[in-house]
């Protein structure tokens, strides 16, 4: 993915890391809890020379480190599986309709989280891709962002075309950093969702200012609206 070409967001948009960088990033992150787990187990092995409360503390620490490792390994496995996907048959559909359905599905979750979730479209966005896969990652993307959005704020999804591309802009106010950030389960879910979108050919750009975050997704428009309507009529 390159960082060039027209963009919805200002010029400080930056392309997100490619899949290989993400995989290396998580593999590197695994080193810290793995080293910590080894140290904890070495201390536990010296149990007879330690007080019982120290021994139990060391074991609890080892369990916490093992839990962090499990979350990272699950994310690494998902990234690897996405990279092994075979291309599936594409179909013509409207991207904004799919996101509208995803937003409607997540409205009860947003309400429970105290977040105002909204959707706006400026035009129809016909694309040609695998709808089932895109719907899966549209849900994963918005679900992850929703879990990272500050309570009492808003999460806004806007669909708009630019030149020959379909654009989705997702804006939110980031909540306080989760435990073990940036490797919390919520943040890893967002990273995996971005990987899925890039796998089907989308470009992803991200900006931030304070606690304000914006993620922009681009996909090629399949055709003009009139041409798509004619295509559907002929079928």
Protein backbone atom coordinates (compact mmCIF):
# COMPACT_ATOMS: atom_id res chain seq x y z
CA UNK A 1 0.00 0.00 0.00
CA UNK A 2 1.37 3.40 -0.88
CA UNK A 3 0.56 6.65 0.85
CA UNK A 4 -0.03 8.58 -2.36
CA UNK A 5 -3.16 9.60 -4.19
CA UNK A 6 -6.21 11.67 -3.23
CA UNK A 7 -7.31 11.43 0.37
CA UNK A 8 -10.38 12.33 2.38
CA UNK A 9 -8.41 13.47 5.39
CA UNK A 10 -5.79 16.25 5.52
CA UNK A 11 -2.28 15.86 4.22
CA UNK A 12 -1.01 14.50 7.54
CA UNK A 13 -2.77 11.20 6.80
CA UNK A 14 -0.30 8.38 6.96
CA UNK A 15 -0.59 4.85 5.60
CA UNK A 16 -0.88 2.13 8.21
CA UNK A 17 1.82 -0.59 8.40
CA UNK A 18 1.62 -3.36 5.85
CA UNK A 19 0.79 -6.93 6.90
CA UNK A 20 4.43 -8.04 7.14
CA UNK A 21 5.19 -5.10 9.42
CA UNK A 22 2.19 -5.94 11.61
CA UNK A 23 3.24 -9.57 11.93
CA UNK A 24 6.81 -8.59 12.82
CA UNK A 25 5.41 -6.00 15.24
CA UNK A 26 3.40 -8.62 17.14
CA UNK A 27 6.18 -11.19 17.09
CA UNK A 28 8.51 -8.61 18.60
CA UNK A 29 5.85 -7.70 21.21
CA UNK A 30 5.71 -11.36 22.23
CA UNK A 31 9.31 -11.21 23.47
CA UNK A 32 8.55 -9.09 26.53
CA UNK A 33 5.91 -11.29 28.23
CA UNK A 34 7.81 -14.41 27.14
CA UNK A 35 10.98 -13.19 28.86
CA UNK A 36 8.95 -12.16 31.90
CA UNK A 37 7.30 -15.58 32.05
CA UNK A 38 10.67 -17.31 31.96
CA UNK A 39 11.91 -15.16 34.84
CA UNK A 40 8.76 -15.85 36.87
CA UNK A 41 9.07 -19.58 36.34
CA UNK A 42 12.74 -19.49 37.34
CA UNK A 43 11.78 -17.70 40.54
CA UNK A 44 8.97 -20.18 41.19
CA UNK A 45 11.42 -23.06 40.72
CA UNK A 46 13.37 -21.66 43.67
CA UNK A 47 10.19 -22.03 45.76
CA UNK A 48 11.61 -23.88 48.82
CA UNK A 49 13.89 -20.92 49.55
CA UNK A 50 11.03 -18.39 49.34
CA UNK A 51 8.11 -17.54 51.60
CA UNK A 52 4.72 -19.03 50.50
CA UNK A 53 3.23 -15.58 49.73
CA UNK A 54 6.19 -14.74 47.50
CA UNK A 55 5.78 -18.04 45.72
CA UNK A 56 2.06 -17.41 45.10
CA UNK A 57 2.76 -13.86 43.89
CA UNK A 58 5.30 -15.21 41.40
CA UNK A 59 2.80 -17.77 40.10
CA UNK A 60 0.07 -15.13 39.70
CA UNK A 61 2.51 -12.95 37.78
CA UNK A 62 3.35 -15.90 35.53
CA UNK A 63 -0.36 -16.50 34.85
CA UNK A 64 -0.87 -12.85 33.88
CA UNK A 65 2.09 -12.99 31.50
CA UNK A 66 0.77 -16.22 29.98
CA UNK A 67 -2.59 -14.49 29.44
CA UNK A 68 -0.92 -11.61 27.60
CA UNK A 69 0.99 -14.08 25.45
CA UNK A 70 -2.22 -15.92 24.58
CA UNK A 71 -3.86 -12.70 23.33
CA UNK A 72 -0.82 -11.92 21.17
CA UNK A 73 -0.58 -15.46 19.78
CA UNK A 74 -4.28 -15.40 18.85
CA UNK A 75 -3.73 -12.13 16.97
CA UNK A 76 -0.65 -13.53 15.21
CA UNK A 77 -2.63 -16.61 14.16
CA UNK A 78 -5.46 -14.47 12.75
CA UNK A 79 -3.02 -12.30 10.80
CA UNK A 80 -1.35 -15.39 9.36
CA UNK A 81 -4.71 -16.89 8.36
CA UNK A 82 -5.78 -13.68 6.62
CA UNK A 83 -2.55 -13.65 4.60
CA UNK A 84 -3.28 -17.20 3.43
CA UNK A 85 -6.75 -16.42 2.12
CA UNK A 86 -7.48 -17.46 -1.43
CA UNK A 87 -9.34 -14.92 -3.54
CA UNK A 88 -13.05 -15.57 -3.76
CA UNK A 89 -15.58 -14.59 -6.40
CA UNK A 90 -16.40 -10.87 -6.36
CA UNK A 91 -19.87 -9.39 -6.71
CA UNK A 92 -21.28 -5.93 -7.29
CA UNK A 93 -22.87 -4.23 -4.27
CA UNK A 94 -23.16 -0.85 -2.56
CA UNK A 95 -20.57 -0.32 0.15
CA UNK A 96 -22.56 2.33 2.00
CA UNK A 97 -25.54 -0.03 2.33
CA UNK A 98 -23.33 -2.68 3.91
CA UNK A 99 -21.95 -0.18 6.43
CA UNK A 100 -25.43 1.15 7.16
CA UNK A 101 -26.48 -2.39 8.07
CA UNK A 102 -23.39 -2.83 10.26
CA UNK A 103 -24.03 0.45 12.08
CA UNK A 104 -27.67 -0.57 12.71
CA UNK A 105 -26.49 -3.91 14.09
CA UNK A 106 -24.10 -2.22 16.52
CA UNK A 107 -26.47 0.52 17.72
CA UNK A 108 -27.57 -1.43 20.85
CA UNK A 109 -23.91 -2.00 21.78
CA UNK A 110 -23.13 1.68 21.28
CA UNK A 111 -26.08 2.67 23.46
CA UNK A 112 -24.94 0.31 26.21
CA UNK A 113 -21.43 1.80 25.99
CA UNK A 114 -22.75 5.36 26.20
CA UNK A 115 -21.53 6.20 22.68
CA UNK A 116 -23.53 8.02 20.01
CA UNK A 117 -23.07 6.03 16.79
CA UNK A 118 -24.07 7.76 13.56
CA UNK A 119 -23.86 7.12 9.83
CA UNK A 120 -23.92 9.58 6.92
CA UNK A 121 -23.68 9.02 3.18
CA UNK A 122 -23.11 11.57 0.45
CA UNK A 123 -23.63 9.21 -2.49
CA UNK A 124 -23.95 5.57 -3.51
CA UNK A 125 -20.65 3.66 -3.51
CA UNK A 126 -20.79 0.70 -5.90
CA UNK A 127 -17.85 -1.65 -5.43
CA UNK A 128 -16.97 -5.09 -6.71
CA UNK A 129 -15.57 -7.43 -4.07
CA UNK A 130 -16.50 -10.35 -1.85
CA UNK A 131 -19.43 -8.99 0.15
CA UNK A 132 -19.37 -11.72 2.80
CA UNK A 133 -15.74 -11.09 3.69
CA UNK A 134 -16.17 -7.32 3.66
CA UNK A 135 -19.23 -7.52 5.90
CA UNK A 136 -17.26 -9.62 8.39
CA UNK A 137 -14.45 -7.10 8.58
CA UNK A 138 -16.79 -4.10 8.55
CA UNK A 139 -18.35 -5.49 11.72
CA UNK A 140 -14.97 -6.34 13.28
CA UNK A 141 -13.66 -2.87 12.44
CA UNK A 142 -16.58 -0.92 13.91
CA UNK A 143 -16.92 -3.23 16.89
CA UNK A 144 -13.24 -2.73 17.77
CA UNK A 145 -13.39 1.04 17.32
CA UNK A 146 -16.56 1.20 19.39
CA UNK A 147 -14.80 -0.60 22.25
CA UNK A 148 -12.02 2.03 22.06
CA UNK A 149 -14.36 5.04 21.97
CA UNK A 150 -14.67 7.24 25.04
CA UNK A 151 -17.95 6.95 26.90
CA UNK A 152 -20.15 10.02 26.38
CA UNK A 153 -18.61 10.83 22.99
CA UNK A 154 -19.55 9.93 19.42
CA UNK A 155 -18.44 7.54 16.71
CA UNK A 156 -19.20 8.84 13.21
CA UNK A 157 -19.13 6.88 9.95
CA UNK A 158 -19.26 8.83 6.68
CA UNK A 159 -19.43 7.34 3.18
CA UNK A 160 -18.37 9.51 0.26
CA UNK A 161 -16.80 9.07 -3.19
CA UNK A 162 -13.73 10.89 -4.43
CA UNK A 163 -12.69 10.68 -8.07
CA UNK A 164 -12.88 6.93 -8.82
CA UNK A 165 -12.72 5.68 -5.26
CA UNK A 166 -15.24 4.80 -2.57
CA UNK A 167 -14.29 6.31 0.77
CA UNK A 168 -15.29 5.44 4.34
CA UNK A 169 -14.22 7.84 7.07
CA UNK A 170 -14.60 6.65 10.67
CA UNK A 171 -14.01 9.24 13.42
CA UNK A 172 -14.04 8.75 17.17
CA UNK A 173 -12.67 10.03 20.48
CA UNK A 174 -10.23 7.59 22.00
CA UNK A 175 -10.91 6.33 25.52
CA UNK A 176 -8.13 6.12 28.10
CA UNK A 177 -5.49 3.58 27.15
CA UNK A 178 -6.50 0.02 27.98
CA UNK A 179 -4.30 -2.21 30.10
CA UNK A 180 -1.30 -3.49 28.13
CA UNK A 181 -1.90 -0.92 25.38
CA UNK A 182 -1.07 -0.97 22.46
CA UNK A 183 -1.50 -4.75 22.70
CA UNK A 184 -4.91 -4.85 24.36
CA UNK A 185 -7.49 -7.20 22.88
CA UNK A 186 -9.48 -4.21 21.57
CA UNK A 187 -6.52 -2.62 19.79
CA UNK A 188 -5.42 -5.94 18.33
CA UNK A 189 -8.97 -6.44 17.01
CA UNK A 190 -8.69 -3.14 15.14
CA UNK A 191 -5.29 -4.09 13.75
CA UNK A 192 -6.66 -7.43 12.48
CA UNK A 193 -9.69 -5.75 10.90
CA UNK A 194 -7.41 -3.34 9.02
CA UNK A 195 -5.39 -6.31 7.79
CA UNK A 196 -8.58 -7.90 6.44
CA UNK A 197 -9.55 -4.75 4.55
CA UNK A 198 -6.12 -4.45 2.99
CA UNK A 199 -6.23 -8.10 2.02
CA UNK A 200 -9.24 -7.42 -0.23
CA UNK A 201 -7.55 -4.40 -1.79
CA UNK A 202 -8.49 -1.44 0.42
CA UNK A 203 -6.11 1.36 1.37
CA UNK A 204 -6.14 2.47 5.01
CA UNK A 205 -5.02 5.85 6.34
CA UNK A 206 -5.08 7.12 9.91
CA UNK A 207 -4.81 10.53 11.59
CA UNK A 208 -4.90 11.64 15.19
CA UNK A 209 -5.00 14.91 17.12
CA UNK A 210 -5.16 14.60 20.88
CA UNK A 211 -7.77 11.95 21.62
CA UNK A 212 -9.46 12.44 18.24
CA UNK A 213 -8.88 9.59 15.76
CA UNK A 214 -9.87 9.18 12.11
CA UNK A 215 -9.50 6.05 10.01
CA UNK A 216 -10.13 6.33 6.27
CA UNK A 217 -10.68 3.34 3.98
CA UNK A 218 -10.51 3.51 0.18
CA UNK A 219 -11.75 1.01 -2.38
CA UNK A 220 -12.00 1.47 -6.16
CA UNK A 221 -15.47 2.36 -7.38
CA UNK A 222 -16.77 -0.43 -9.60
CA UNK A 223 -18.57 1.91 -12.00
CA UNK A 224 -20.68 5.03 -12.16
CA UNK A 225 -24.11 4.76 -10.55
CA UNK A 226 -25.89 4.85 -13.92
CA UNK A 227 -23.67 2.09 -15.31
CA UNK A 228 -24.26 -0.05 -12.21
CA UNK A 229 -28.01 0.41 -12.48
CA UNK A 230 -27.84 -0.67 -16.11
CA UNK A 231 -25.73 -3.70 -15.10
CA UNK A 232 -28.34 -4.74 -12.52
CA UNK A 233 -31.16 -4.22 -15.05
CA UNK A 234 -29.48 -6.44 -17.61
CA UNK A 235 -29.06 -9.19 -15.03
